[in-house]
Amino acid sequence: MNSGERECPLERARQALRTVIDPELGYNIVDLGLIYDVGIDDAGMAYVLMTTTTRGCPATSYLQEGARESIAQLPGIADVDVVVTHDPEWSPQMMTPEARRYLGIEEESIR
């Protein structure tokens, strides 16, 4: 399998994850920086390593299930394992510039 074939399913997975909206912030979990890693093995097992904006976030289960369901519906995916971690802890620097603008966070305030 060449690298282009490998990137395609991962890019589809990241696009699927963008459909999951954090209910408190109203923005997708990818651009908020909540997705640390995504992988798909040759058997179609997908792995997602993600975080939440705070420990004890009341939306943790919702976000974890949303991530799982968004990838599970993709062709070729047999199962999805979503793990939540707080190492490293999330910070606004992990957001894309678009997400920071959407939330009104000034670049200077996160340095």
PDB file of N, CA and C in Angstrom:
ATOM      1  N   MET A   1       0.847  -1.171   0.000  1.00  0.00           N
ATOM      2  CA  MET A   1       0.000   0.000   0.000  1.00  0.00           C
ATOM      3  C   MET A   1       0.897   1.241   0.000  1.00  0.00           C
ATOM      4  N   ASN A   2       0.683   2.162  -0.932  1.00  0.00           N
ATOM      5  CA  ASN A   2       1.513   3.365  -0.941  1.00  0.00           C
ATOM      6  C   ASN A   2       0.972   4.392   0.040  1.00  0.00           C
ATOM      7  N   SER A   3       1.741   5.444   0.298  1.00  0.00           N
ATOM      8  CA  SER A   3       1.356   6.415   1.327  1.00  0.00           C
ATOM      9  C   SER A   3       0.066   7.141   0.963  1.00  0.00           C
ATOM     10  N   GLY A   4      -0.209   7.358  -0.321  1.00  0.00           N
ATOM     11  CA  GLY A   4      -1.439   8.022  -0.727  1.00  0.00           C
ATOM     12  C   GLY A   4      -2.676   7.216  -0.357  1.00  0.00           C
ATOM     13  N   GLU A   5      -2.586   5.874  -0.509  1.00  0.00           N
ATOM     14  CA  GLU A   5      -3.710   5.022  -0.141  1.00  0.00           C
ATOM     15  C   GLU A   5      -3.921   5.017   1.364  1.00  0.00           C
ATOM     16  N   ARG A   6      -2.850   5.150   2.117  1.00  0.00           N
ATOM     17  CA  ARG A   6      -2.955   5.174   3.565  1.00  0.00           C
ATOM     18  C   ARG A   6      -3.553   6.486   4.058  1.00  0.00           C
ATOM     19  N   GLU A   7      -3.205   7.585   3.421  1.00  0.00           N
ATOM     20  CA  GLU A   7      -3.690   8.890   3.870  1.00  0.00           C
ATOM     21  C   GLU A   7      -5.178   9.051   3.611  1.00  0.00           C
ATOM     22  N   CYS A   8      -5.680   8.477   2.565  1.00  0.00           N
ATOM     23  CA  CYS A   8      -7.069   8.669   2.185  1.00  0.00           C
ATOM     24  C   CYS A   8      -8.045   8.233   3.288  1.00  0.00           C
ATOM     25  N   PRO A   9      -7.956   7.012   3.819  1.00  0.00           N
ATOM     26  CA  PRO A   9      -8.872   6.629   4.897  1.00  0.00           C
ATOM     27  C   PRO A   9      -8.692   7.495   6.157  1.00  0.00           C
ATOM     28  N   LEU A  10      -7.458   7.878   6.448  1.00  0.00           N
ATOM     29  CA  LEU A  10      -7.229   8.723   7.623  1.00  0.00           C
ATOM     30  C   LEU A  10      -7.833  10.109   7.425  1.00  0.00           C
ATOM     31  N   GLU A  11      -7.716  10.647   6.225  1.00  0.00           N
ATOM     32  CA  GLU A  11      -8.317  11.948   5.953  1.00  0.00           C
ATOM     33  C   GLU A  11      -9.834  11.850   6.026  1.00  0.00           C
ATOM     34  N   ARG A  12     -10.395  10.760   5.526  1.00  0.00           N
ATOM     35  CA  ARG A  12     -11.849  10.566   5.645  1.00  0.00           C
ATOM     36  C   ARG A  12     -12.257  10.477   7.110  1.00  0.00           C
ATOM     37  N   ALA A  13     -11.445   9.816   7.918  1.00  0.00           N
ATOM     38  CA  ALA A  13     -11.738   9.706   9.352  1.00  0.00           C
ATOM     39  C   ALA A  13     -11.699  11.082  10.011  1.00  0.00           C
ATOM     40  N   ARG A  14     -10.691  11.892   9.670  1.00  0.00           N
ATOM     41  CA  ARG A  14     -10.602  13.235  10.251  1.00  0.00           C
ATOM     42  C   ARG A  14     -11.791  14.092   9.810  1.00  0.00           C
ATOM     43  N   GLN A  15     -12.199  13.946   8.557  1.00  0.00           N
ATOM     44  CA  GLN A  15     -13.365  14.691   8.073  1.00  0.00           C
ATOM     45  C   GLN A  15     -14.621  14.237   8.815  1.00  0.00           C
ATOM     46  N   ALA A  16     -14.754  12.937   9.050  1.00  0.00           N
ATOM     47  CA  ALA A  16     -15.902  12.424   9.797  1.00  0.00           C
ATOM     48  C   ALA A  16     -15.905  12.986  11.222  1.00  0.00           C
ATOM     49  N   LEU A  17     -14.729  13.056  11.824  1.00  0.00           N
ATOM     50  CA  LEU A  17     -14.632  13.596  13.185  1.00  0.00           C
ATOM     51  C   LEU A  17     -15.032  15.069  13.237  1.00  0.00           C
ATOM     52  N   ARG A  18     -14.849  15.779  12.136  1.00  0.00           N
ATOM     53  CA  ARG A  18     -15.250  17.192  12.100  1.00  0.00           C
ATOM     54  C   ARG A  18     -16.768  17.373  12.201  1.00  0.00           C
ATOM     55  N   THR A  19     -17.524  16.299  12.026  1.00  0.00           N
ATOM     56  CA  THR A  19     -18.980  16.396  12.173  1.00  0.00           C
ATOM     57  C   THR A  19     -19.409  16.356  13.637  1.00  0.00           C
ATOM     58  N   VAL A  20     -18.467  16.031  14.524  1.00  0.00           N
ATOM     59  CA  VAL A  20     -18.773  15.978  15.954  1.00  0.00           C
ATOM     60  C   VAL A  20     -18.539  17.372  16.537  1.00  0.00           C
ATOM     61  N   ILE A  21     -19.613  17.966  17.038  1.00  0.00           N
ATOM     62  CA  ILE A  21     -19.561  19.333  17.555  1.00  0.00           C
ATOM     63  C   ILE A  21     -19.593  19.310  19.077  1.00  0.00           C
ATOM     64  N   ASP A  22     -18.637  19.982  19.696  1.00  0.00           N
ATOM     65  CA  ASP A  22     -18.636  20.119  21.147  1.00  0.00           C
ATOM     66  C   ASP A  22     -19.876  20.929  21.526  1.00  0.00           C
ATOM     67  N   PRO A  23     -20.776  20.362  22.351  1.00  0.00           N
ATOM     68  CA  PRO A  23     -22.032  21.049  22.647  1.00  0.00           C
ATOM     69  C   PRO A  23     -21.858  22.337  23.453  1.00  0.00           C
ATOM     70  N   GLU A  24     -20.769  22.443  24.173  1.00  0.00           N
ATOM     71  CA  GLU A  24     -20.548  23.650  24.974  1.00  0.00           C
ATOM     72  C   GLU A  24     -19.892  24.764  24.163  1.00  0.00           C
ATOM     73  N   LEU A  25     -19.014  24.405  23.247  1.00  0.00           N
ATOM     74  CA  LEU A  25     -18.290  25.412  22.469  1.00  0.00           C
ATOM     75  C   LEU A  25     -18.875  25.635  21.084  1.00  0.00           C
ATOM     76  N   GLY A  26     -19.677  24.683  20.593  1.00  0.00           N
ATOM     77  CA  GLY A  26     -20.320  24.840  19.301  1.00  0.00           C
ATOM     78  C   GLY A  26     -19.377  24.766  18.119  1.00  0.00           C
ATOM     79  N   TYR A  27     -18.284  24.015  18.268  1.00  0.00           N
ATOM     80  CA  TYR A  27     -17.312  23.895  17.187  1.00  0.00           C
ATOM     81  C   TYR A  27     -16.840  22.451  17.135  1.00  0.00           C
ATOM     82  N   ASN A  28     -16.294  22.037  15.983  1.00  0.00           N
ATOM     83  CA  ASN A  28     -15.928  20.629  15.819  1.00  0.00           C
ATOM     84  C   ASN A  28     -14.690  20.245  16.634  1.00  0.00           C
ATOM     85  N   ILE A  29     -14.658  18.965  17.019  1.00  0.00           N
ATOM     86  CA  ILE A  29     -13.621  18.485  17.921  1.00  0.00           C
ATOM     87  C   ILE A  29     -12.232  18.424  17.296  1.00  0.00           C
ATOM     88  N   VAL A  30     -12.150  18.345  15.978  1.00  0.00           N
ATOM     89  CA  VAL A  30     -10.834  18.326  15.320  1.00  0.00           C
ATOM     90  C   VAL A  30     -10.192  19.705  15.427  1.00  0.00           C
ATOM     91  N   ASP A  31     -10.913  20.735  14.992  1.00  0.00           N
ATOM     92  CA  ASP A  31     -10.340  22.085  14.999  1.00  0.00           C
ATOM     93  C   ASP A  31     -10.212  22.675  16.404  1.00  0.00           C
ATOM     94  N   LEU A  32     -10.948  22.120  17.359  1.00  0.00           N
ATOM     95  CA  LEU A  32     -10.755  22.532  18.754  1.00  0.00           C
ATOM     96  C   LEU A  32      -9.477  21.937  19.330  1.00  0.00           C
ATOM     97  N   GLY A  33      -8.876  20.991  18.617  1.00  0.00           N
ATOM     98  CA  GLY A  33      -7.638  20.374  19.090  1.00  0.00           C
ATOM     99  C   GLY A  33      -7.871  19.231  20.058  1.00  0.00           C
ATOM    100  N   LEU A  34      -9.069  18.667  20.049  1.00  0.00           N
ATOM    101  CA  LEU A  34      -9.386  17.582  20.979  1.00  0.00           C
ATOM    102  C   LEU A  34      -8.956  16.213  20.465  1.00  0.00           C
ATOM    103  N   ILE A  35      -8.614  16.110  19.183  1.00  0.00           N
ATOM    104  CA  ILE A  35      -8.177  14.834  18.606  1.00  0.00           C
ATOM    105  C   ILE A  35      -6.649  14.820  18.570  1.00  0.00           C
ATOM    106  N   TYR A  36      -6.055  13.915  19.336  1.00  0.00           N
ATOM    107  CA  TYR A  36      -4.601  13.810  19.383  1.00  0.00           C
ATOM    108  C   TYR A  36      -4.054  12.874  18.315  1.00  0.00           C
ATOM    109  N   ASP A  37      -4.773  11.785  18.036  1.00  0.00           N
ATOM    110  CA  ASP A  37      -4.255  10.825  17.066  1.00  0.00           C
ATOM    111  C   ASP A  37      -5.406   9.998  16.505  1.00  0.00           C
ATOM    112  N   VAL A  38      -5.263   9.605  15.251  1.00  0.00           N
ATOM    113  CA  VAL A  38      -6.219   8.729  14.579  1.00  0.00           C
ATOM    114  C   VAL A  38      -5.414   7.701  13.802  1.00  0.00           C
ATOM    115  N   GLY A  39      -5.807   6.453  13.896  1.00  0.00           N
ATOM    116  CA  GLY A  39      -5.145   5.399  13.143  1.00  0.00           C
ATOM    117  C   GLY A  39      -6.162   4.376  12.666  1.00  0.00           C
ATOM    118  N   ILE A  40      -5.834   3.728  11.563  1.00  0.00           N
ATOM    119  CA  ILE A  40      -6.666   2.650  11.033  1.00  0.00           C
ATOM    120  C   ILE A  40      -5.733   1.541  10.590  1.00  0.00           C
ATOM    121  N   ASP A  41      -5.943   0.339  11.137  1.00  0.00           N
ATOM    122  CA  ASP A  41      -5.063  -0.760  10.737  1.00  0.00           C
ATOM    123  C   ASP A  41      -5.631  -1.475   9.517  1.00  0.00           C
ATOM    124  N   ASP A  42      -4.886  -2.452   9.010  1.00  0.00           N
ATOM    125  CA  ASP A  42      -5.271  -3.157   7.787  1.00  0.00           C
ATOM    126  C   ASP A  42      -6.560  -3.962   7.938  1.00  0.00           C
ATOM    127  N   ALA A  43      -6.938  -4.287   9.176  1.00  0.00           N
ATOM    128  CA  ALA A  43      -8.166  -5.049   9.419  1.00  0.00           C
ATOM    129  C   ALA A  43      -9.388  -4.135   9.545  1.00  0.00           C
ATOM    130  N   GLY A  44      -9.176  -2.819   9.435  1.00  0.00           N
ATOM    131  CA  GLY A  44     -10.292  -1.885   9.536  1.00  0.00           C
ATOM    132  C   GLY A  44     -10.593  -1.437  10.953  1.00  0.00           C
ATOM    133  N   MET A  45      -9.684  -1.703  11.882  1.00  0.00           N
ATOM    134  CA  MET A  45      -9.844  -1.244  13.263  1.00  0.00           C
ATOM    135  C   MET A  45      -9.334   0.190  13.349  1.00  0.00           C
ATOM    136  N   ALA A  46     -10.199   1.084  13.767  1.00  0.00           N
ATOM    137  CA  ALA A  46      -9.817   2.495  13.900  1.00  0.00           C
ATOM    138  C   ALA A  46      -9.536   2.801  15.365  1.00  0.00           C
ATOM    139  N   TYR A  47      -8.556   3.655  15.573  1.00  0.00           N
ATOM    140  CA  TYR A  47      -8.157   4.067  16.910  1.00  0.00           C
ATOM    141  C   TYR A  47      -8.180   5.585  16.964  1.00  0.00           C
ATOM    142  N   VAL A  48      -8.784   6.128  18.006  1.00  0.00           N
ATOM    143  CA  VAL A  48      -8.818   7.571  18.197  1.00  0.00           C
ATOM    144  C   VAL A  48      -8.331   7.863  19.608  1.00  0.00           C
ATOM    145  N   LEU A  49      -7.362   8.755  19.709  1.00  0.00           N
ATOM    146  CA  LEU A  49      -6.895   9.252  21.001  1.00  0.00           C
ATOM    147  C   LEU A  49      -7.342  10.695  21.077  1.00  0.00           C
ATOM    148  N   MET A  50      -8.139  11.013  22.084  1.00  0.00           N
ATOM    149  CA  MET A  50      -8.695  12.354  22.181  1.00  0.00           C
ATOM    150  C   MET A  50      -8.666  12.852  23.622  1.00  0.00           C
ATOM    151  N   THR A  51      -9.009  14.111  23.779  1.00  0.00           N
ATOM    152  CA  THR A  51      -9.075  14.709  25.099  1.00  0.00           C
ATOM    153  C   THR A  51     -10.341  15.542  25.195  1.00  0.00           C
ATOM    154  N   THR A  52     -10.510  16.197  26.307  1.00  0.00           N
ATOM    155  CA  THR A  52     -11.587  17.170  26.492  1.00  0.00           C
ATOM    156  C   THR A  52     -10.945  18.462  26.976  1.00  0.00           C
ATOM    157  N   THR A  53     -11.702  19.546  26.927  1.00  0.00           N
ATOM    158  CA  THR A  53     -11.120  20.832  27.315  1.00  0.00           C
ATOM    159  C   THR A  53     -10.801  20.891  28.801  1.00  0.00           C
ATOM    160  N   THR A  54     -11.530  20.123  29.616  1.00  0.00           N
ATOM    161  CA  THR A  54     -11.257  20.068  31.058  1.00  0.00           C
ATOM    162  C   THR A  54     -11.453  18.647  31.555  1.00  0.00           C
ATOM    163  N   ARG A  55     -10.749  18.314  32.621  1.00  0.00           N
ATOM    164  CA  ARG A  55     -10.997  17.026  33.277  1.00  0.00           C
ATOM    165  C   ARG A  55     -12.409  17.081  33.859  1.00  0.00           C
ATOM    166  N   GLY A  56     -13.108  15.990  33.792  1.00  0.00           N
ATOM    167  CA  GLY A  56     -14.457  15.954  34.337  1.00  0.00           C
ATOM    168  C   GLY A  56     -15.476  16.683  33.471  1.00  0.00           C
ATOM    169  N   CYS A  57     -15.124  16.933  32.223  1.00  0.00           N
ATOM    170  CA  CYS A  57     -16.030  17.607  31.289  1.00  0.00           C
ATOM    171  C   CYS A  57     -17.345  16.829  31.226  1.00  0.00           C
ATOM    172  N   PRO A  58     -18.486  17.494  31.418  1.00  0.00           N
ATOM    173  CA  PRO A  58     -19.758  16.778  31.393  1.00  0.00           C
ATOM    174  C   PRO A  58     -20.105  16.188  30.017  1.00  0.00           C
ATOM    175  N   ALA A  59     -19.450  16.654  28.969  1.00  0.00           N
ATOM    176  CA  ALA A  59     -19.734  16.161  27.620  1.00  0.00           C
ATOM    177  C   ALA A  59     -18.792  15.040  27.182  1.00  0.00           C
ATOM    178  N   THR A  60     -17.960  14.533  28.074  1.00  0.00           N
ATOM    179  CA  THR A  60     -16.961  13.525  27.703  1.00  0.00           C
ATOM    180  C   THR A  60     -17.583  12.322  27.005  1.00  0.00           C
ATOM    181  N   SER A  61     -18.588  11.714  27.590  1.00  0.00           N
ATOM    182  CA  SER A  61     -19.211  10.530  26.987  1.00  0.00           C
ATOM    183  C   SER A  61     -19.840  10.867  25.644  1.00  0.00           C
ATOM    184  N   TYR A  62     -20.487  12.021  25.560  1.00  0.00           N
ATOM    185  CA  TYR A  62     -21.108  12.465  24.313  1.00  0.00           C
ATOM    186  C   TYR A  62     -20.061  12.604  23.208  1.00  0.00           C
ATOM    187  N   LEU A  63     -18.941  13.243  23.524  1.00  0.00           N
ATOM    188  CA  LEU A  63     -17.883  13.456  22.539  1.00  0.00           C
ATOM    189  C   LEU A  63     -17.218  12.145  22.143  1.00  0.00           C
ATOM    190  N   GLN A  64     -16.979  11.281  23.114  1.00  0.00           N
ATOM    191  CA  GLN A  64     -16.354   9.986  22.855  1.00  0.00           C
ATOM    192  C   GLN A  64     -17.259   9.142  21.955  1.00  0.00           C
ATOM    193  N   GLU A  65     -18.544   9.102  22.247  1.00  0.00           N
ATOM    194  CA  GLU A  65     -19.485   8.325  21.441  1.00  0.00           C
ATOM    195  C   GLU A  65     -19.641   8.944  20.050  1.00  0.00           C
ATOM    196  N   GLY A  66     -19.663  10.266  19.986  1.00  0.00           N
ATOM    197  CA  GLY A  66     -19.753  10.934  18.690  1.00  0.00           C
ATOM    198  C   GLY A  66     -18.554  10.614  17.807  1.00  0.00           C
ATOM    199  N   ALA A  67     -17.377  10.604  18.409  1.00  0.00           N
ATOM    200  CA  ALA A  67     -16.166  10.258  17.660  1.00  0.00           C
ATOM    201  C   ALA A  67     -16.257   8.822  17.146  1.00  0.00           C
ATOM    202  N   ARG A  68     -16.688   7.923  18.017  1.00  0.00           N
ATOM    203  CA  ARG A  68     -16.803   6.516  17.629  1.00  0.00           C
ATOM    204  C   ARG A  68     -17.809   6.351  16.487  1.00  0.00           C
ATOM    205  N   GLU A  69     -18.971   6.930  16.641  1.00  0.00           N
ATOM    206  CA  GLU A  69     -20.023   6.766  15.629  1.00  0.00           C
ATOM    207  C   GLU A  69     -19.643   7.418  14.292  1.00  0.00           C
ATOM    208  N   SER A  70     -18.963   8.550  14.344  1.00  0.00           N
ATOM    209  CA  SER A  70     -18.624   9.243  13.100  1.00  0.00           C
ATOM    210  C   SER A  70     -17.677   8.420  12.237  1.00  0.00           C
ATOM    211  N   ILE A  71     -16.765   7.712  12.866  1.00  0.00           N
ATOM    212  CA  ILE A  71     -15.812   6.887  12.116  1.00  0.00           C
ATOM    213  C   ILE A  71     -16.405   5.520  11.788  1.00  0.00           C
ATOM    214  N   ALA A  72     -17.229   4.984  12.667  1.00  0.00           N
ATOM    215  CA  ALA A  72     -17.806   3.650  12.457  1.00  0.00           C
ATOM    216  C   ALA A  72     -18.630   3.573  11.178  1.00  0.00           C
ATOM    217  N   GLN A  73     -19.205   4.676  10.742  1.00  0.00           N
ATOM    218  CA  GLN A  73     -20.040   4.660   9.545  1.00  0.00           C
ATOM    219  C   GLN A  73     -19.233   4.710   8.249  1.00  0.00           C
ATOM    220  N   LEU A  74     -17.926   4.880   8.322  1.00  0.00           N
ATOM    221  CA  LEU A  74     -17.100   4.939   7.122  1.00  0.00           C
ATOM    222  C   LEU A  74     -16.912   3.552   6.511  1.00  0.00           C
ATOM    223  N   PRO A  75     -16.811   3.479   5.184  1.00  0.00           N
ATOM    224  CA  PRO A  75     -16.583   2.184   4.533  1.00  0.00           C
ATOM    225  C   PRO A  75     -15.251   1.576   4.973  1.00  0.00           C
ATOM    226  N   GLY A  76     -15.279   0.271   5.211  1.00  0.00           N
ATOM    227  CA  GLY A  76     -14.053  -0.444   5.557  1.00  0.00           C
ATOM    228  C   GLY A  76     -13.698  -0.426   7.024  1.00  0.00           C
ATOM    229  N   ILE A  77     -14.492   0.237   7.857  1.00  0.00           N
ATOM    230  CA  ILE A  77     -14.204   0.288   9.289  1.00  0.00           C
ATOM    231  C   ILE A  77     -14.940  -0.849   9.976  1.00  0.00           C
ATOM    232  N   ALA A  78     -14.183  -1.719  10.643  1.00  0.00           N
ATOM    233  CA  ALA A  78     -14.753  -2.868  11.341  1.00  0.00           C
ATOM    234  C   ALA A  78     -15.176  -2.500  12.760  1.00  0.00           C
ATOM    235  N   ASP A  79     -14.371  -1.675  13.425  1.00  0.00           N
ATOM    236  CA  ASP A  79     -14.650  -1.284  14.808  1.00  0.00           C
ATOM    237  C   ASP A  79     -13.843  -0.033  15.113  1.00  0.00           C
ATOM    238  N   VAL A  80     -14.218   0.654  16.180  1.00  0.00           N
ATOM    239  CA  VAL A  80     -13.532   1.887  16.563  1.00  0.00           C
ATOM    240  C   VAL A  80     -13.278   1.857  18.057  1.00  0.00           C
ATOM    241  N   ASP A  81     -12.051   2.153  18.446  1.00  0.00           N
ATOM    242  CA  ASP A  81     -11.682   2.267  19.851  1.00  0.00           C
ATOM    243  C   ASP A  81     -11.315   3.723  20.107  1.00  0.00           C
ATOM    244  N   VAL A  82     -12.072   4.380  20.977  1.00  0.00           N
ATOM    245  CA  VAL A  82     -11.827   5.785  21.300  1.00  0.00           C
ATOM    246  C   VAL A  82     -11.356   5.860  22.739  1.00  0.00           C
ATOM    247  N   VAL A  83     -10.166   6.408  22.940  1.00  0.00           N
ATOM    248  CA  VAL A  83      -9.576   6.542  24.266  1.00  0.00           C
ATOM    249  C   VAL A  83      -9.453   8.031  24.586  1.00  0.00           C
ATOM    250  N   VAL A  84      -9.899   8.389  25.786  1.00  0.00           N
ATOM    251  CA  VAL A  84      -9.785   9.771  26.254  1.00  0.00           C
ATOM    252  C   VAL A  84      -8.600   9.858  27.205  1.00  0.00           C
ATOM    253  N   THR A  85      -7.757  10.860  26.983  1.00  0.00           N
ATOM    254  CA  THR A  85      -6.598  11.092  27.831  1.00  0.00           C
ATOM    255  C   THR A  85      -6.531  12.573  28.198  1.00  0.00           C
ATOM    256  N   HIS A  86      -5.780  12.860  29.224  1.00  0.00           N
ATOM    257  CA  HIS A  86      -5.512  14.264  29.574  1.00  0.00           C
ATOM    258  C   HIS A  86      -4.005  14.493  29.643  1.00  0.00           C
ATOM    259  N   ASP A  87      -3.286  13.686  28.879  1.00  0.00           N
ATOM    260  CA  ASP A  87      -1.836  13.799  28.810  1.00  0.00           C
ATOM    261  C   ASP A  87      -1.428  13.888  27.341  1.00  0.00           C
ATOM    262  N   PRO A  88      -1.124  15.061  26.862  1.00  0.00           N
ATOM    263  CA  PRO A  88      -1.031  16.331  27.590  1.00  0.00           C
ATOM    264  C   PRO A  88      -2.414  16.953  27.793  1.00  0.00           C
ATOM    265  N   GLU A  89      -2.474  17.839  28.782  1.00  0.00           N
ATOM    266  CA  GLU A  89      -3.719  18.559  29.007  1.00  0.00           C
ATOM    267  C   GLU A  89      -3.981  19.487  27.834  1.00  0.00           C
ATOM    268  N   TRP A  90      -5.251  19.627  27.491  1.00  0.00           N
ATOM    269  CA  TRP A  90      -5.661  20.502  26.399  1.00  0.00           C
ATOM    270  C   TRP A  90      -5.404  21.956  26.774  1.00  0.00           C
ATOM    271  N   SER A  91      -5.081  22.754  25.759  1.00  0.00           N
ATOM    272  CA  SER A  91      -4.957  24.200  25.943  1.00  0.00           C
ATOM    273  C   SER A  91      -5.439  24.887  24.662  1.00  0.00           C
ATOM    274  N   PRO A  92      -5.813  26.164  24.740  1.00  0.00           N
ATOM    275  CA  PRO A  92      -6.289  26.875  23.555  1.00  0.00           C
ATOM    276  C   PRO A  92      -5.275  26.900  22.408  1.00  0.00           C
ATOM    277  N   GLN A  93      -3.990  26.729  22.693  1.00  0.00           N
ATOM    278  CA  GLN A  93      -2.985  26.694  21.634  1.00  0.00           C
ATOM    279  C   GLN A  93      -3.186  25.516  20.692  1.00  0.00           C
ATOM    280  N   MET A  94      -3.927  24.503  21.111  1.00  0.00           N
ATOM    281  CA  MET A  94      -4.159  23.319  20.298  1.00  0.00           C
ATOM    282  C   MET A  94      -5.238  23.549  19.246  1.00  0.00           C
ATOM    283  N   MET A  95      -5.985  24.629  19.372  1.00  0.00           N
ATOM    284  CA  MET A  95      -7.051  24.933  18.414  1.00  0.00           C
ATOM    285  C   MET A  95      -6.467  25.495  17.122  1.00  0.00           C
ATOM    286  N   THR A  96      -7.189  25.301  16.033  1.00  0.00           N
ATOM    287  CA  THR A  96      -6.798  25.942  14.783  1.00  0.00           C
ATOM    288  C   THR A  96      -7.076  27.439  14.901  1.00  0.00           C
ATOM    289  N   PRO A  97      -6.402  28.254  14.100  1.00  0.00           N
ATOM    290  CA  PRO A  97      -6.690  29.693  14.125  1.00  0.00           C
ATOM    291  C   PRO A  97      -8.167  29.997  13.849  1.00  0.00           C
ATOM    292  N   GLU A  98      -8.800  29.198  12.975  1.00  0.00           N
ATOM    293  CA  GLU A  98     -10.217  29.404  12.668  1.00  0.00           C
ATOM    294  C   GLU A  98     -11.082  29.188  13.903  1.00  0.00           C
ATOM    295  N   ALA A  99     -10.790  28.145  14.672  1.00  0.00           N
ATOM    296  CA  ALA A  99     -11.559  27.861  15.883  1.00  0.00           C
ATOM    297  C   ALA A  99     -11.362  28.970  16.913  1.00  0.00           C
ATOM    298  N   ARG A 100     -10.132  29.448  17.049  1.00  0.00           N
ATOM    299  CA  ARG A 100      -9.878  30.547  17.997  1.00  0.00           C
ATOM    300  C   ARG A 100     -10.645  31.800  17.584  1.00  0.00           C
ATOM    301  N   ARG A 101     -10.648  32.101  16.284  1.00  0.00           N
ATOM    302  CA  ARG A 101     -11.402  33.268  15.808  1.00  0.00           C
ATOM    303  C   ARG A 101     -12.892  33.102  16.083  1.00  0.00           C
ATOM    304  N   TYR A 102     -13.415  31.907  15.805  1.00  0.00           N
ATOM    305  CA  TYR A 102     -14.833  31.618  16.027  1.00  0.00           C
ATOM    306  C   TYR A 102     -15.213  31.878  17.491  1.00  0.00           C
ATOM    307  N   LEU A 103     -14.318  31.488  18.397  1.00  0.00           N
ATOM    308  CA  LEU A 103     -14.589  31.636  19.824  1.00  0.00           C
ATOM    309  C   LEU A 103     -14.152  32.996  20.370  1.00  0.00           C
ATOM    310  N   GLY A 104     -13.584  33.823  19.505  1.00  0.00           N
ATOM    311  CA  GLY A 104     -13.174  35.163  19.933  1.00  0.00           C
ATOM    312  C   GLY A 104     -11.934  35.182  20.809  1.00  0.00           C
ATOM    313  N   ILE A 105     -11.069  34.210  20.616  1.00  0.00           N
ATOM    314  CA  ILE A 105      -9.829  34.144  21.409  1.00  0.00           C
ATOM    315  C   ILE A 105      -8.724  34.841  20.619  1.00  0.00           C
ATOM    316  N   GLU A 106      -8.154  35.853  21.231  1.00  0.00           N
ATOM    317  CA  GLU A 106      -7.071  36.607  20.605  1.00  0.00           C
ATOM    318  C   GLU A 106      -5.786  35.790  20.638  1.00  0.00           C
ATOM    319  N   GLU A 107      -5.037  35.823  19.534  1.00  0.00           N
ATOM    320  CA  GLU A 107      -3.766  35.089  19.463  1.00  0.00           C
ATOM    321  C   GLU A 107      -2.821  35.468  20.607  1.00  0.00           C
ATOM    322  N   GLU A 108      -2.769  36.734  20.944  1.00  0.00           N
ATOM    323  CA  GLU A 108      -1.834  37.197  21.973  1.00  0.00           C
ATOM    324  C   GLU A 108      -2.186  36.641  23.348  1.00  0.00           C
ATOM    325  N   SER A 109      -3.472  36.343  23.586  1.00  0.00           N
ATOM    326  CA  SER A 109      -3.899  35.899  24.910  1.00  0.00           C
ATOM    327  C   SER A 109      -3.539  34.447  25.190  1.00  0.00           C
ATOM    328  N   ILE A 110      -3.110  33.685  24.184  1.00  0.00           N
ATOM    329  CA  ILE A 110      -2.799  32.280  24.424  1.00  0.00           C
ATOM    330  C   ILE A 110      -1.314  31.989  24.461  1.00  0.00           C
ATOM    331  N   ARG A 111      -0.516  32.993  24.343  1.00  0.00           N
ATOM    332  CA  ARG A 111       0.937  32.761  24.351  1.00  0.00           C
ATOM    333  C   ARG A 111       1.483  32.707  25.728  1.00  0.00           C
TER     334      ARG A 111
END
